[in-house]
């Protein structure tokens, strides 16, 4: 295995940055789609809720 030097590492990082920057203008963005939803997540009364030190029932 070869030994990496700081200048070699900087060169590799610079080449990677150049490749990313050259590729960036060629990428076309799609239209952004967003949505909204509502949901009631309240458990029924008396439901055992986990994740607590002791048993805890919903109220």
N, C-alpha and C. Protein backbone atom coordinates (compact mmCIF):
# COMPACT_ATOMS: atom_id res chain seq x y z
N UNK A 1 0.83 -1.18 0.00
CA UNK A 1 0.00 0.00 0.00
C UNK A 1 0.87 1.24 0.00
N UNK A 2 0.48 2.20 -0.80
CA UNK A 2 1.24 3.44 -0.85
C UNK A 2 0.86 4.36 0.29
N UNK A 3 1.70 5.31 0.48
CA UNK A 3 1.47 6.27 1.56
C UNK A 3 0.89 7.54 0.96
N UNK A 4 -0.23 7.99 1.52
CA UNK A 4 -0.85 9.22 1.04
C UNK A 4 -0.12 10.42 1.63
N UNK A 5 0.09 11.40 0.80
CA UNK A 5 0.67 12.65 1.27
C UNK A 5 -0.41 13.71 1.25
N UNK A 6 -0.15 14.80 1.92
CA UNK A 6 -1.13 15.88 1.96
C UNK A 6 -1.38 16.43 0.56
N UNK A 7 -0.34 16.58 -0.23
CA UNK A 7 -0.52 17.13 -1.58
C UNK A 7 -1.33 16.17 -2.45
N UNK A 8 -1.13 14.86 -2.27
CA UNK A 8 -1.91 13.88 -3.02
C UNK A 8 -3.37 13.91 -2.63
N UNK A 9 -3.63 14.04 -1.35
CA UNK A 9 -5.00 14.11 -0.86
C UNK A 9 -5.69 15.37 -1.36
N UNK A 10 -4.98 16.48 -1.33
CA UNK A 10 -5.54 17.75 -1.82
C UNK A 10 -5.84 17.64 -3.31
N UNK A 11 -4.95 17.00 -4.06
CA UNK A 11 -5.16 16.83 -5.50
C UNK A 11 -6.41 16.00 -5.77
N UNK A 12 -6.57 14.91 -5.04
CA UNK A 12 -7.75 14.05 -5.23
C UNK A 12 -9.03 14.80 -4.88
N UNK A 13 -9.00 15.57 -3.80
CA UNK A 13 -10.18 16.35 -3.41
C UNK A 13 -10.49 17.42 -4.44
N UNK A 14 -9.46 18.05 -4.99
CA UNK A 14 -9.66 19.08 -6.01
C UNK A 14 -10.26 18.47 -7.28
N UNK A 15 -9.78 17.31 -7.68
CA UNK A 15 -10.32 16.65 -8.88
C UNK A 15 -11.78 16.23 -8.65
N UNK A 16 -12.10 15.76 -7.46
CA UNK A 16 -13.48 15.39 -7.15
C UNK A 16 -14.38 16.62 -7.21
N UNK A 17 -13.91 17.74 -6.69
CA UNK A 17 -14.69 18.98 -6.72
C UNK A 17 -14.91 19.45 -8.15
N UNK A 18 -13.88 19.35 -8.98
CA UNK A 18 -14.01 19.75 -10.39
C UNK A 18 -15.04 18.87 -11.09
N UNK A 19 -15.00 17.58 -10.86
CA UNK A 19 -15.97 16.68 -11.49
C UNK A 19 -17.40 17.00 -11.05
N UNK A 20 -17.58 17.30 -9.78
CA UNK A 20 -18.92 17.64 -9.28
C UNK A 20 -19.39 18.95 -9.89
N UNK A 21 -18.51 19.93 -9.97
CA UNK A 21 -18.90 21.23 -10.52
C UNK A 21 -19.17 21.15 -12.01
N UNK A 22 -18.47 20.29 -12.72
CA UNK A 22 -18.73 20.14 -14.15
C UNK A 22 -20.05 19.41 -14.41
N UNK A 23 -20.41 18.52 -13.53
CA UNK A 23 -21.64 17.75 -13.69
C UNK A 23 -22.88 18.56 -13.28
N UNK A 24 -22.73 19.50 -12.37
CA UNK A 24 -23.87 20.24 -11.82
C UNK A 24 -24.72 20.94 -12.88
N UNK A 25 -24.15 21.66 -13.86
CA UNK A 25 -25.01 22.34 -14.84
C UNK A 25 -25.80 21.37 -15.72
N UNK A 26 -25.37 20.13 -15.84
CA UNK A 26 -26.04 19.17 -16.71
C UNK A 26 -27.27 18.55 -16.05
N UNK A 27 -27.41 18.69 -14.76
CA UNK A 27 -28.53 18.09 -14.04
C UNK A 27 -29.74 19.02 -14.15
N UNK A 28 -30.87 18.45 -14.52
CA UNK A 28 -32.09 19.25 -14.61
C UNK A 28 -32.99 18.93 -13.43
N UNK A 29 -33.48 19.95 -12.81
CA UNK A 29 -34.35 19.76 -11.64
C UNK A 29 -35.78 19.52 -12.10
N UNK A 30 -36.45 18.63 -11.43
CA UNK A 30 -37.86 18.38 -11.68
C UNK A 30 -38.68 19.39 -10.89
N UNK A 31 -39.93 19.52 -11.24
CA UNK A 31 -40.81 20.42 -10.51
C UNK A 31 -41.01 19.88 -9.09
N UNK A 32 -41.01 20.77 -8.13
CA UNK A 32 -41.18 20.38 -6.73
C UNK A 32 -42.66 20.21 -6.43
N UNK A 33 -42.99 19.07 -5.85
CA UNK A 33 -44.36 18.81 -5.45
C UNK A 33 -44.42 18.68 -3.94
N UNK A 34 -45.41 19.29 -3.33
CA UNK A 34 -45.56 19.24 -1.87
C UNK A 34 -47.01 18.88 -1.55
N UNK A 35 -47.18 18.29 -0.39
CA UNK A 35 -48.52 17.91 0.03
C UNK A 35 -48.69 18.13 1.52
N UNK A 36 -49.93 18.13 1.95
CA UNK A 36 -50.27 18.32 3.36
C UNK A 36 -51.28 17.25 3.74
N UNK A 37 -51.13 16.73 4.95
CA UNK A 37 -52.07 15.73 5.43
C UNK A 37 -52.35 15.97 6.91
N UNK A 38 -53.49 15.51 7.36
CA UNK A 38 -53.85 15.61 8.78
C UNK A 38 -54.35 14.24 9.23
N UNK A 39 -53.96 13.87 10.43
CA UNK A 39 -54.34 12.56 10.96
C UNK A 39 -54.43 12.65 12.47
N UNK A 40 -55.46 12.07 13.04
CA UNK A 40 -55.62 12.05 14.49
C UNK A 40 -54.90 10.82 15.03
N UNK A 41 -53.85 11.03 15.84
CA UNK A 41 -53.07 9.91 16.37
C UNK A 41 -53.33 9.69 17.85
N UNK A 42 -54.37 10.29 18.39
CA UNK A 42 -54.70 10.13 19.80
C UNK A 42 -55.19 8.71 20.06
N UNK A 43 -54.58 8.00 21.02
CA UNK A 43 -55.04 6.63 21.30
C UNK A 43 -56.37 6.65 22.03
N UNK A 44 -57.13 5.56 21.95
CA UNK A 44 -58.40 5.51 22.66
C UNK A 44 -58.19 5.56 24.17
N UNK A 45 -59.20 6.01 24.91
CA UNK A 45 -59.11 6.12 26.36
C UNK A 45 -58.87 4.74 26.96
N UNK A 46 -57.89 4.65 27.88
CA UNK A 46 -57.56 3.40 28.53
C UNK A 46 -56.53 2.57 27.79
N UNK A 47 -56.04 3.05 26.67
CA UNK A 47 -55.03 2.33 25.88
C UNK A 47 -53.69 2.36 26.61
N UNK A 48 -53.02 1.22 26.71
CA UNK A 48 -51.72 1.15 27.39
C UNK A 48 -50.65 1.73 26.48
N UNK A 49 -49.99 2.77 26.95
CA UNK A 49 -48.95 3.42 26.17
C UNK A 49 -47.59 2.92 26.63
N UNK A 50 -46.77 2.45 25.72
CA UNK A 50 -45.45 1.94 26.07
C UNK A 50 -44.42 3.06 26.05
N UNK A 51 -43.26 2.77 26.64
CA UNK A 51 -42.17 3.73 26.63
C UNK A 51 -42.04 4.52 27.91
N UNK A 52 -42.77 4.17 28.94
CA UNK A 52 -42.70 4.86 30.21
C UNK A 52 -42.15 3.92 31.27
N UNK A 53 -41.67 4.44 32.39
CA UNK A 53 -41.10 3.63 33.46
C UNK A 53 -42.14 2.71 34.08
N UNK A 54 -43.34 3.20 34.19
CA UNK A 54 -44.42 2.40 34.77
C UNK A 54 -45.59 2.40 33.79
N UNK A 55 -46.59 1.56 34.07
CA UNK A 55 -47.74 1.50 33.18
C UNK A 55 -48.45 2.85 33.17
N UNK A 56 -48.77 3.30 31.99
CA UNK A 56 -49.43 4.59 31.86
C UNK A 56 -50.57 4.43 30.85
N UNK A 57 -51.76 4.78 31.26
CA UNK A 57 -52.92 4.68 30.39
C UNK A 57 -53.23 6.03 29.78
N UNK A 58 -53.73 6.00 28.57
CA UNK A 58 -54.11 7.27 27.94
C UNK A 58 -55.36 7.81 28.63
N UNK A 59 -55.52 9.12 28.62
CA UNK A 59 -56.66 9.75 29.28
C UNK A 59 -57.52 10.48 28.29
